[in-house]
Amino acid sequence: MPEDQENPRIQDLIRRAEQIVRDTERSLEASDDVLRGMGLDPRKVREVLREQPMTQAQRDEAQALFRKDMEDIEQQVGQEAAHLRQSTPARAGAGRRPRTMV
């Protein structure tokens, strides 16, 4: 593959990887906020959970629940964005030149 075609693909992979990292960081922050909302210290919760042995089935279930939560959040955000787009009134006279008032 010519180098000029390979470079955009590499740049695209880098952008996608950076987006995944940002999404993961936001998810962790959201999880910490939920724990704080329940009156828990996120750092202490992680320490306790780290010491608890988990079976592979428990890990799989936790990952599935996490993915479901993230899908629900994305759906809610999408619905809210669509609602905001629909409820925002169109600007009257958009694209027209303002009249000169006498």
PDB file of N, CA and C in Angstrom:
ATOM      1  N   MET A   1       0.852  -1.173   0.000  1.00  0.00           N
ATOM      2  CA  MET A   1       0.000   0.000   0.000  1.00  0.00           C
ATOM      3  C   MET A   1       0.892   1.227   0.000  1.00  0.00           C
ATOM      4  N   PRO A   2       0.619   2.213  -0.843  1.00  0.00           N
ATOM      5  CA  PRO A   2       1.432   3.431  -0.858  1.00  0.00           C
ATOM      6  C   PRO A   2       1.359   4.149   0.477  1.00  0.00           C
ATOM      7  N   GLU A   3       2.459   4.806   0.807  1.00  0.00           N
ATOM      8  CA  GLU A   3       2.567   5.475   2.099  1.00  0.00           C
ATOM      9  C   GLU A   3       1.517   6.559   2.279  1.00  0.00           C
ATOM     10  N   ASP A   4       1.174   7.293   1.206  1.00  0.00           N
ATOM     11  CA  ASP A   4       0.203   8.377   1.333  1.00  0.00           C
ATOM     12  C   ASP A   4      -1.201   7.862   1.639  1.00  0.00           C
ATOM     13  N   GLN A   5      -1.519   6.603   1.291  1.00  0.00           N
ATOM     14  CA  GLN A   5      -2.809   6.016   1.646  1.00  0.00           C
ATOM     15  C   GLN A   5      -2.777   5.398   3.031  1.00  0.00           C
ATOM     16  N   GLU A   6      -1.618   4.929   3.456  1.00  0.00           N
ATOM     17  CA  GLU A   6      -1.493   4.291   4.758  1.00  0.00           C
ATOM     18  C   GLU A   6      -1.552   5.333   5.884  1.00  0.00           C
ATOM     19  N   ASN A   7      -0.954   6.501   5.690  1.00  0.00           N
ATOM     20  CA  ASN A   7      -0.905   7.526   6.723  1.00  0.00           C
ATOM     21  C   ASN A   7      -2.297   7.966   7.178  1.00  0.00           C
ATOM     22  N   PRO A   8      -3.262   8.253   6.286  1.00  0.00           N
ATOM     23  CA  PRO A   8      -4.597   8.619   6.769  1.00  0.00           C
ATOM     24  C   PRO A   8      -5.256   7.498   7.565  1.00  0.00           C
ATOM     25  N   ARG A   9      -4.996   6.257   7.187  1.00  0.00           N
ATOM     26  CA  ARG A   9      -5.570   5.139   7.942  1.00  0.00           C
ATOM     27  C   ARG A   9      -4.991   5.087   9.345  1.00  0.00           C
ATOM     28  N   ILE A  10      -3.697   5.335   9.453  1.00  0.00           N
ATOM     29  CA  ILE A  10      -3.057   5.339  10.771  1.00  0.00           C
ATOM     30  C   ILE A  10      -3.610   6.488  11.601  1.00  0.00           C
ATOM     31  N   GLN A  11      -3.742   7.666  10.987  1.00  0.00           N
ATOM     32  CA  GLN A  11      -4.285   8.822  11.697  1.00  0.00           C
ATOM     33  C   GLN A  11      -5.720   8.549  12.159  1.00  0.00           C
ATOM     34  N   ASP A  12      -6.508   7.874  11.329  1.00  0.00           N
ATOM     35  CA  ASP A  12      -7.875   7.529  11.697  1.00  0.00           C
ATOM     36  C   ASP A  12      -7.879   6.572  12.887  1.00  0.00           C
ATOM     37  N   LEU A  13      -7.000   5.586  12.874  1.00  0.00           N
ATOM     38  CA  LEU A  13      -6.899   4.652  14.004  1.00  0.00           C
ATOM     39  C   LEU A  13      -6.512   5.380  15.286  1.00  0.00           C
ATOM     40  N   ILE A  14      -5.589   6.313  15.166  1.00  0.00           N
ATOM     41  CA  ILE A  14      -5.159   7.082  16.342  1.00  0.00           C
ATOM     42  C   ILE A  14      -6.326   7.901  16.880  1.00  0.00           C
ATOM     43  N   ARG A  15      -7.071   8.567  15.984  1.00  0.00           N
ATOM     44  CA  ARG A  15      -8.228   9.364  16.418  1.00  0.00           C
ATOM     45  C   ARG A  15      -9.267   8.481  17.106  1.00  0.00           C
ATOM     46  N   ARG A  16      -9.534   7.311  16.540  1.00  0.00           N
ATOM     47  CA  ARG A  16     -10.518   6.414  17.132  1.00  0.00           C
ATOM     48  C   ARG A  16     -10.048   5.922  18.497  1.00  0.00           C
ATOM     49  N   ALA A  17      -8.767   5.601  18.625  1.00  0.00           N
ATOM     50  CA  ALA A  17      -8.225   5.144  19.916  1.00  0.00           C
ATOM     51  C   ALA A  17      -8.321   6.259  20.958  1.00  0.00           C
ATOM     52  N   GLU A  18      -8.012   7.486  20.562  1.00  0.00           N
ATOM     53  CA  GLU A  18      -8.115   8.609  21.494  1.00  0.00           C
ATOM     54  C   GLU A  18      -9.554   8.823  21.933  1.00  0.00           C
ATOM     55  N   GLN A  19     -10.501   8.652  21.012  1.00  0.00           N
ATOM     56  CA  GLN A  19     -11.916   8.795  21.358  1.00  0.00           C
ATOM     57  C   GLN A  19     -12.340   7.713  22.351  1.00  0.00           C
ATOM     58  N   ILE A  20     -11.858   6.504  22.162  1.00  0.00           N
ATOM     59  CA  ILE A  20     -12.176   5.416  23.091  1.00  0.00           C
ATOM     60  C   ILE A  20     -11.635   5.733  24.479  1.00  0.00           C
ATOM     61  N   VAL A  21     -10.428   6.272  24.540  1.00  0.00           N
ATOM     62  CA  VAL A  21      -9.841   6.638  25.838  1.00  0.00           C
ATOM     63  C   VAL A  21     -10.689   7.722  26.510  1.00  0.00           C
ATOM     64  N   ARG A  22     -11.089   8.743  25.736  1.00  0.00           N
ATOM     65  CA  ARG A  22     -11.925   9.816  26.305  1.00  0.00           C
ATOM     66  C   ARG A  22     -13.262   9.256  26.794  1.00  0.00           C
ATOM     67  N   ASP A  23     -13.875   8.375  26.014  1.00  0.00           N
ATOM     68  CA  ASP A  23     -15.148   7.776  26.419  1.00  0.00           C
ATOM     69  C   ASP A  23     -14.990   6.968  27.700  1.00  0.00           C
ATOM     70  N   THR A  24     -13.899   6.229  27.798  1.00  0.00           N
ATOM     71  CA  THR A  24     -13.645   5.423  28.991  1.00  0.00           C
ATOM     72  C   THR A  24     -13.448   6.315  30.205  1.00  0.00           C
ATOM     73  N   GLU A  25     -12.690   7.394  30.034  1.00  0.00           N
ATOM     74  CA  GLU A  25     -12.475   8.320  31.155  1.00  0.00           C
ATOM     75  C   GLU A  25     -13.790   8.935  31.609  1.00  0.00           C
ATOM     76  N   ARG A  26     -14.657   9.304  30.651  1.00  0.00           N
ATOM     77  CA  ARG A  26     -15.965   9.865  31.009  1.00  0.00           C
ATOM     78  C   ARG A  26     -16.808   8.825  31.737  1.00  0.00           C
ATOM     79  N   SER A  27     -16.731   7.571  31.317  1.00  0.00           N
ATOM     80  CA  SER A  27     -17.492   6.509  31.980  1.00  0.00           C
ATOM     81  C   SER A  27     -17.025   6.320  33.417  1.00  0.00           C
ATOM     82  N   LEU A  28     -15.722   6.346  33.603  1.00  0.00           N
ATOM     83  CA  LEU A  28     -15.188   6.208  34.964  1.00  0.00           C
ATOM     84  C   LEU A  28     -15.608   7.381  35.838  1.00  0.00           C
ATOM     85  N   GLU A  29     -15.568   8.592  35.279  1.00  0.00           N
ATOM     86  CA  GLU A  29     -15.999   9.769  36.041  1.00  0.00           C
ATOM     87  C   GLU A  29     -17.478   9.667  36.393  1.00  0.00           C
ATOM     88  N   ALA A  30     -18.288   9.193  35.454  1.00  0.00           N
ATOM     89  CA  ALA A  30     -19.721   9.041  35.711  1.00  0.00           C
ATOM     90  C   ALA A  30     -19.953   8.001  36.808  1.00  0.00           C
ATOM     91  N   SER A  31     -19.186   6.916  36.768  1.00  0.00           N
ATOM     92  CA  SER A  31     -19.306   5.888  37.804  1.00  0.00           C
ATOM     93  C   SER A  31     -18.936   6.459  39.169  1.00  0.00           C
ATOM     94  N   ASP A  32     -17.868   7.247  39.204  1.00  0.00           N
ATOM     95  CA  ASP A  32     -17.459   7.875  40.465  1.00  0.00           C
ATOM     96  C   ASP A  32     -18.549   8.821  40.966  1.00  0.00           C
ATOM     97  N   ASP A  33     -19.168   9.564  40.058  1.00  0.00           N
ATOM     98  CA  ASP A  33     -20.244  10.478  40.458  1.00  0.00           C
ATOM     99  C   ASP A  33     -21.423   9.709  41.052  1.00  0.00           C
ATOM    100  N   VAL A  34     -21.754   8.572  40.456  1.00  0.00           N
ATOM    101  CA  VAL A  34     -22.854   7.747  40.973  1.00  0.00           C
ATOM    102  C   VAL A  34     -22.514   7.258  42.374  1.00  0.00           C
ATOM    103  N   LEU A  35     -21.288   6.787  42.546  1.00  0.00           N
ATOM    104  CA  LEU A  35     -20.880   6.307  43.874  1.00  0.00           C
ATOM    105  C   LEU A  35     -20.924   7.434  44.898  1.00  0.00           C
ATOM    106  N   ARG A  36     -20.434   8.611  44.511  1.00  0.00           N
ATOM    107  CA  ARG A  36     -20.483   9.756  45.436  1.00  0.00           C
ATOM    108  C   ARG A  36     -21.926  10.106  45.760  1.00  0.00           C
ATOM    109  N   GLY A  37     -22.802  10.014  44.766  1.00  0.00           N
ATOM    110  CA  GLY A  37     -24.220  10.301  44.977  1.00  0.00           C
ATOM    111  C   GLY A  37     -24.852   9.345  45.978  1.00  0.00           C
ATOM    112  N   MET A  38     -24.303   8.158  46.079  1.00  0.00           N
ATOM    113  CA  MET A  38     -24.795   7.174  47.052  1.00  0.00           C
ATOM    114  C   MET A  38     -24.076   7.322  48.390  1.00  0.00           C
ATOM    115  N   GLY A  39     -23.211   8.336  48.503  1.00  0.00           N
ATOM    116  CA  GLY A  39     -22.504   8.573  49.755  1.00  0.00           C
ATOM    117  C   GLY A  39     -21.279   7.704  49.944  1.00  0.00           C
ATOM    118  N   LEU A  40     -20.728   7.167  48.838  1.00  0.00           N
ATOM    119  CA  LEU A  40     -19.565   6.276  48.930  1.00  0.00           C
ATOM    120  C   LEU A  40     -18.328   6.960  48.357  1.00  0.00           C
ATOM    121  N   ASP A  41     -17.181   6.568  48.866  1.00  0.00           N
ATOM    122  CA  ASP A  41     -15.904   7.049  48.348  1.00  0.00           C
ATOM    123  C   ASP A  41     -15.471   6.100  47.225  1.00  0.00           C
ATOM    124  N   PRO A  42     -15.410   6.589  45.974  1.00  0.00           N
ATOM    125  CA  PRO A  42     -15.067   5.712  44.844  1.00  0.00           C
ATOM    126  C   PRO A  42     -13.742   4.969  45.031  1.00  0.00           C
ATOM    127  N   ARG A  43     -12.749   5.626  45.599  1.00  0.00           N
ATOM    128  CA  ARG A  43     -11.446   4.977  45.798  1.00  0.00           C
ATOM    129  C   ARG A  43     -11.576   3.796  46.752  1.00  0.00           C
ATOM    130  N   LYS A  44     -12.320   3.972  47.831  1.00  0.00           N
ATOM    131  CA  LYS A  44     -12.499   2.888  48.797  1.00  0.00           C
ATOM    132  C   LYS A  44     -13.317   1.754  48.200  1.00  0.00           C
ATOM    133  N   VAL A  45     -14.316   2.087  47.409  1.00  0.00           N
ATOM    134  CA  VAL A  45     -15.130   1.047  46.768  1.00  0.00           C
ATOM    135  C   VAL A  45     -14.250   0.200  45.856  1.00  0.00           C
ATOM    136  N   ARG A  46     -13.386   0.847  45.067  1.00  0.00           N
ATOM    137  CA  ARG A  46     -12.489   0.094  44.180  1.00  0.00           C
ATOM    138  C   ARG A  46     -11.552  -0.803  44.969  1.00  0.00           C
ATOM    139  N   GLU A  47     -11.053  -0.302  46.104  1.00  0.00           N
ATOM    140  CA  GLU A  47     -10.161  -1.115  46.926  1.00  0.00           C
ATOM    141  C   GLU A  47     -10.873  -2.361  47.444  1.00  0.00           C
ATOM    142  N   VAL A  48     -12.101  -2.188  47.924  1.00  0.00           N
ATOM    143  CA  VAL A  48     -12.862  -3.323  48.448  1.00  0.00           C
ATOM    144  C   VAL A  48     -13.149  -4.323  47.332  1.00  0.00           C
ATOM    145  N   LEU A  49     -13.585  -3.811  46.186  1.00  0.00           N
ATOM    146  CA  LEU A  49     -13.912  -4.700  45.072  1.00  0.00           C
ATOM    147  C   LEU A  49     -12.681  -5.431  44.540  1.00  0.00           C
ATOM    148  N   ARG A  50     -11.542  -4.763  44.557  1.00  0.00           N
ATOM    149  CA  ARG A  50     -10.306  -5.382  44.076  1.00  0.00           C
ATOM    150  C   ARG A  50      -9.945  -6.596  44.916  1.00  0.00           C
ATOM    151  N   GLU A  51     -10.274  -6.545  46.200  1.00  0.00           N
ATOM    152  CA  GLU A  51      -9.942  -7.648  47.108  1.00  0.00           C
ATOM    153  C   GLU A  51     -10.941  -8.793  47.030  1.00  0.00           C
ATOM    154  N   GLN A  52     -12.099  -8.565  46.420  1.00  0.00           N
ATOM    155  CA  GLN A  52     -13.130  -9.597  46.314  1.00  0.00           C
ATOM    156  C   GLN A  52     -12.876 -10.444  45.066  1.00  0.00           C
ATOM    157  N   PRO A  53     -12.750 -11.763  45.242  1.00  0.00           N
ATOM    158  CA  PRO A  53     -12.559 -12.607  44.058  1.00  0.00           C
ATOM    159  C   PRO A  53     -13.857 -12.672  43.245  1.00  0.00           C
ATOM    160  N   MET A  54     -13.717 -12.649  41.923  1.00  0.00           N
ATOM    161  CA  MET A  54     -14.875 -12.749  41.031  1.00  0.00           C
ATOM    162  C   MET A  54     -14.691 -13.945  40.110  1.00  0.00           C
ATOM    163  N   THR A  55     -15.774 -14.627  39.876  1.00  0.00           N
ATOM    164  CA  THR A  55     -15.723 -15.712  38.904  1.00  0.00           C
ATOM    165  C   THR A  55     -15.824 -15.100  37.509  1.00  0.00           C
ATOM    166  N   GLN A  56     -15.492 -15.870  36.503  1.00  0.00           N
ATOM    167  CA  GLN A  56     -15.584 -15.379  35.132  1.00  0.00           C
ATOM    168  C   GLN A  56     -17.040 -15.045  34.781  1.00  0.00           C
ATOM    169  N   ALA A  57     -17.967 -15.843  35.293  1.00  0.00           N
ATOM    170  CA  ALA A  57     -19.391 -15.580  35.035  1.00  0.00           C
ATOM    171  C   ALA A  57     -19.811 -14.235  35.627  1.00  0.00           C
ATOM    172  N   GLN A  58     -19.315 -13.916  36.829  1.00  0.00           N
ATOM    173  CA  GLN A  58     -19.631 -12.622  37.440  1.00  0.00           C
ATOM    174  C   GLN A  58     -19.024 -11.473  36.631  1.00  0.00           C
ATOM    175  N   ARG A  59     -17.789 -11.663  36.168  1.00  0.00           N
ATOM    176  CA  ARG A  59     -17.152 -10.640  35.332  1.00  0.00           C
ATOM    177  C   ARG A  59     -17.946 -10.409  34.047  1.00  0.00           C
ATOM    178  N   ASP A  60     -18.336 -11.514  33.409  1.00  0.00           N
ATOM    179  CA  ASP A  60     -19.103 -11.424  32.168  1.00  0.00           C
ATOM    180  C   ASP A  60     -20.423 -10.695  32.398  1.00  0.00           C
ATOM    181  N   GLU A  61     -21.094 -11.033  33.495  1.00  0.00           N
ATOM    182  CA  GLU A  61     -22.364 -10.381  33.807  1.00  0.00           C
ATOM    183  C   GLU A  61     -22.166  -8.888  34.075  1.00  0.00           C
ATOM    184  N   ALA A  62     -21.120  -8.562  34.838  1.00  0.00           N
ATOM    185  CA  ALA A  62     -20.845  -7.158  35.131  1.00  0.00           C
ATOM    186  C   ALA A  62     -20.548  -6.385  33.851  1.00  0.00           C
ATOM    187  N   GLN A  63     -19.764  -6.974  32.955  1.00  0.00           N
ATOM    188  CA  GLN A  63     -19.458  -6.305  31.689  1.00  0.00           C
ATOM    189  C   GLN A  63     -20.712  -6.132  30.848  1.00  0.00           C
ATOM    190  N   ALA A  64     -21.573  -7.134  30.831  1.00  0.00           N
ATOM    191  CA  ALA A  64     -22.819  -7.040  30.057  1.00  0.00           C
ATOM    192  C   ALA A  64     -23.717  -5.942  30.632  1.00  0.00           C
ATOM    193  N   LEU A  65     -23.803  -5.872  31.956  1.00  0.00           N
ATOM    194  CA  LEU A  65     -24.612  -4.822  32.585  1.00  0.00           C
ATOM    195  C   LEU A  65     -24.036  -3.444  32.300  1.00  0.00           C
ATOM    196  N   PHE A  66     -22.718  -3.341  32.346  1.00  0.00           N
ATOM    197  CA  PHE A  66     -22.070  -2.057  32.055  1.00  0.00           C
ATOM    198  C   PHE A  66     -22.358  -1.633  30.616  1.00  0.00           C
ATOM    199  N   ARG A  67     -22.201  -2.569  29.665  1.00  0.00           N
ATOM    200  CA  ARG A  67     -22.480  -2.253  28.263  1.00  0.00           C
ATOM    201  C   ARG A  67     -23.924  -1.821  28.080  1.00  0.00           C
ATOM    202  N   LYS A  68     -24.853  -2.507  28.757  1.00  0.00           N
ATOM    203  CA  LYS A  68     -26.278  -2.154  28.668  1.00  0.00           C
ATOM    204  C   LYS A  68     -26.503  -0.752  29.213  1.00  0.00           C
ATOM    205  N   ASP A  69     -25.882  -0.441  30.352  1.00  0.00           N
ATOM    206  CA  ASP A  69     -26.012   0.908  30.918  1.00  0.00           C
ATOM    207  C   ASP A  69     -25.492   1.960  29.953  1.00  0.00           C
ATOM    208  N   MET A  70     -24.352   1.701  29.347  1.00  0.00           N
ATOM    209  CA  MET A  70     -23.773   2.664  28.409  1.00  0.00           C
ATOM    210  C   MET A  70     -24.672   2.841  27.181  1.00  0.00           C
ATOM    211  N   GLU A  71     -25.247   1.753  26.691  1.00  0.00           N
ATOM    212  CA  GLU A  71     -26.173   1.854  25.552  1.00  0.00           C
ATOM    213  C   GLU A  71     -27.402   2.674  25.930  1.00  0.00           C
ATOM    214  N   ASP A  72     -27.920   2.443  27.149  1.00  0.00           N
ATOM    215  CA  ASP A  72     -29.080   3.207  27.612  1.00  0.00           C
ATOM    216  C   ASP A  72     -28.754   4.693  27.720  1.00  0.00           C
ATOM    217  N   ILE A  73     -27.572   4.989  28.236  1.00  0.00           N
ATOM    218  CA  ILE A  73     -27.157   6.384  28.367  1.00  0.00           C
ATOM    219  C   ILE A  73     -27.038   7.029  26.995  1.00  0.00           C
ATOM    220  N   GLU A  74     -26.400   6.338  26.056  1.00  0.00           N
ATOM    221  CA  GLU A  74     -26.263   6.885  24.710  1.00  0.00           C
ATOM    222  C   GLU A  74     -27.623   7.104  24.064  1.00  0.00           C
ATOM    223  N   GLN A  75     -28.553   6.189  24.285  1.00  0.00           N
ATOM    224  CA  GLN A  75     -29.894   6.336  23.725  1.00  0.00           C
ATOM    225  C   GLN A  75     -30.593   7.549  24.339  1.00  0.00           C
ATOM    226  N   GLN A  76     -30.478   7.715  25.651  1.00  0.00           N
ATOM    227  CA  GLN A  76     -31.109   8.852  26.314  1.00  0.00           C
ATOM    228  C   GLN A  76     -30.513  10.170  25.825  1.00  0.00           C
ATOM    229  N   VAL A  77     -29.205  10.201  25.663  1.00  0.00           N
ATOM    230  CA  VAL A  77     -28.556  11.415  25.167  1.00  0.00           C
ATOM    231  C   VAL A  77     -29.039  11.720  23.750  1.00  0.00           C
ATOM    232  N   GLY A  78     -29.134  10.696  22.918  1.00  0.00           N
ATOM    233  CA  GLY A  78     -29.620  10.886  21.556  1.00  0.00           C
ATOM    234  C   GLY A  78     -31.050  11.388  21.527  1.00  0.00           C
ATOM    235  N   GLN A  79     -31.904  10.822  22.387  1.00  0.00           N
ATOM    236  CA  GLN A  79     -33.285  11.267  22.453  1.00  0.00           C
ATOM    237  C   GLN A  79     -33.387  12.713  22.931  1.00  0.00           C
ATOM    238  N   GLU A  80     -32.592  13.050  23.936  1.00  0.00           N
ATOM    239  CA  GLU A  80     -32.605  14.418  24.449  1.00  0.00           C
ATOM    240  C   GLU A  80     -32.115  15.401  23.395  1.00  0.00           C
ATOM    241  N   ALA A  81     -31.079  15.031  22.666  1.00  0.00           N
ATOM    242  CA  ALA A  81     -30.568  15.900  21.604  1.00  0.00           C
ATOM    243  C   ALA A  81     -31.618  16.092  20.517  1.00  0.00           C
ATOM    244  N   ALA A  82     -32.324  15.015  20.154  1.00  0.00           N
ATOM    245  CA  ALA A  82     -33.378  15.118  19.139  1.00  0.00           C
ATOM    246  C   ALA A  82     -34.508  16.010  19.648  1.00  0.00           C
ATOM    247  N   HIS A  83     -34.853  15.854  20.917  1.00  0.00           N
ATOM    248  CA  HIS A  83     -35.906  16.679  21.503  1.00  0.00           C
ATOM    249  C   HIS A  83     -35.506  18.156  21.479  1.00  0.00           C
ATOM    250  N   LEU A  84     -34.269  18.445  21.831  1.00  0.00           N
ATOM    251  CA  LEU A  84     -33.800  19.828  21.825  1.00  0.00           C
ATOM    252  C   LEU A  84     -33.796  20.407  20.416  1.00  0.00           C
ATOM    253  N   ARG A  85     -33.400  19.601  19.438  1.00  0.00           N
ATOM    254  CA  ARG A  85     -33.409  20.082  18.055  1.00  0.00           C
ATOM    255  C   ARG A  85     -34.822  20.405  17.599  1.00  0.00           C
ATOM    256  N   GLN A  86     -35.781  19.575  17.997  1.00  0.00           N
ATOM    257  CA  GLN A  86     -37.163  19.790  17.582  1.00  0.00           C
ATOM    258  C   GLN A  86     -37.816  20.941  18.320  1.00  0.00           C
ATOM    259  N   SER A  87     -37.430  21.164  19.560  1.00  0.00           N
ATOM    260  CA  SER A  87     -38.079  22.198  20.354  1.00  0.00           C
ATOM    261  C   SER A  87     -37.448  23.576  20.174  1.00  0.00           C
ATOM    262  N   THR A  88     -36.306  23.642  19.521  1.00  0.00           N
ATOM    263  CA  THR A  88     -35.668  24.926  19.290  1.00  0.00           C
ATOM    264  C   THR A  88     -36.366  25.610  18.120  1.00  0.00           C
ATOM    265  N   PRO A  89     -36.968  26.779  18.374  1.00  0.00           N
ATOM    266  CA  PRO A  89     -37.689  27.443  17.289  1.00  0.00           C
ATOM    267  C   PRO A  89     -36.719  27.942  16.216  1.00  0.00           C
ATOM    268  N   ALA A  90     -37.195  27.882  14.980  1.00  0.00           N
ATOM    269  CA  ALA A  90     -36.380  28.407  13.879  1.00  0.00           C
ATOM    270  C   ALA A  90     -36.332  29.915  14.004  1.00  0.00           C
ATOM    271  N   ARG A  91     -35.239  30.483  13.693  1.00  0.00           N
ATOM    272  CA  ARG A  91     -35.103  31.938  13.766  1.00  0.00           C
ATOM    273  C   ARG A  91     -35.931  32.566  12.662  1.00  0.00           C
ATOM    274  N   ALA A  92     -36.749  33.520  13.048  1.00  0.00           N
ATOM    275  CA  ALA A  92     -37.590  34.209  12.068  1.00  0.00           C
ATOM    276  C   ALA A  92     -36.704  35.056  11.170  1.00  0.00           C
ATOM    277  N   GLY A  93     -36.947  34.965   9.895  1.00  0.00           N
ATOM    278  CA  GLY A  93     -36.220  35.797   8.943  1.00  0.00           C
ATOM    279  C   GLY A  93     -34.777  35.398   8.763  1.00  0.00           C
ATOM    280  N   ALA A  94     -34.444  34.189   9.127  1.00  0.00           N
ATOM    281  CA  ALA A  94     -33.062  33.749   8.970  1.00  0.00           C
ATOM    282  C   ALA A  94     -32.676  33.829   7.500  1.00  0.00           C
ATOM    283  N   GLY A  95     -31.581  34.460   7.225  1.00  0.00           N
ATOM    284  CA  GLY A  95     -31.095  34.571   5.857  1.00  0.00           C
ATOM    285  C   GLY A  95     -31.578  35.833   5.155  1.00  0.00           C
ATOM    286  N   ARG A  96     -32.501  36.580   5.765  1.00  0.00           N
ATOM    287  CA  ARG A  96     -32.966  37.828   5.162  1.00  0.00           C
ATOM    288  C   ARG A  96     -32.155  38.993   5.685  1.00  0.00           C
ATOM    289  N   ARG A  97     -32.090  39.998   4.874  1.00  0.00           N
ATOM    290  CA  ARG A  97     -31.432  41.229   5.279  1.00  0.00           C
ATOM    291  C   ARG A  97     -32.374  42.003   6.193  1.00  0.00           C
ATOM    292  N   PRO A  98     -31.895  42.559   7.291  1.00  0.00           N
ATOM    293  CA  PRO A  98     -32.780  43.312   8.195  1.00  0.00           C
ATOM    294  C   PRO A  98     -33.327  44.567   7.497  1.00  0.00           C
ATOM    295  N   ARG A  99     -34.556  44.892   7.825  1.00  0.00           N
ATOM    296  CA  ARG A  99     -35.174  46.094   7.267  1.00  0.00           C
ATOM    297  C   ARG A  99     -34.613  47.340   7.933  1.00  0.00           C
ATOM    298  N   THR A 100     -34.548  48.389   7.157  1.00  0.00           N
ATOM    299  CA  THR A 100     -34.132  49.672   7.722  1.00  0.00           C
ATOM    300  C   THR A 100     -35.346  50.304   8.368  1.00  0.00           C
ATOM    301  N   MET A 101     -35.235  50.618   9.617  1.00  0.00           N
ATOM    302  CA  MET A 101     -36.362  51.226  10.338  1.00  0.00           C
ATOM    303  C   MET A 101     -36.284  52.737  10.179  1.00  0.00           C
ATOM    304  N   VAL A 102     -37.452  53.340   9.915  1.00  0.00           N
ATOM    305  CA  VAL A 102     -37.519  54.799   9.712  1.00  0.00           C
ATOM    306  C   VAL A 102     -38.122  55.437  10.921  1.00  0.00           C
TER     307      VAL A 102
END
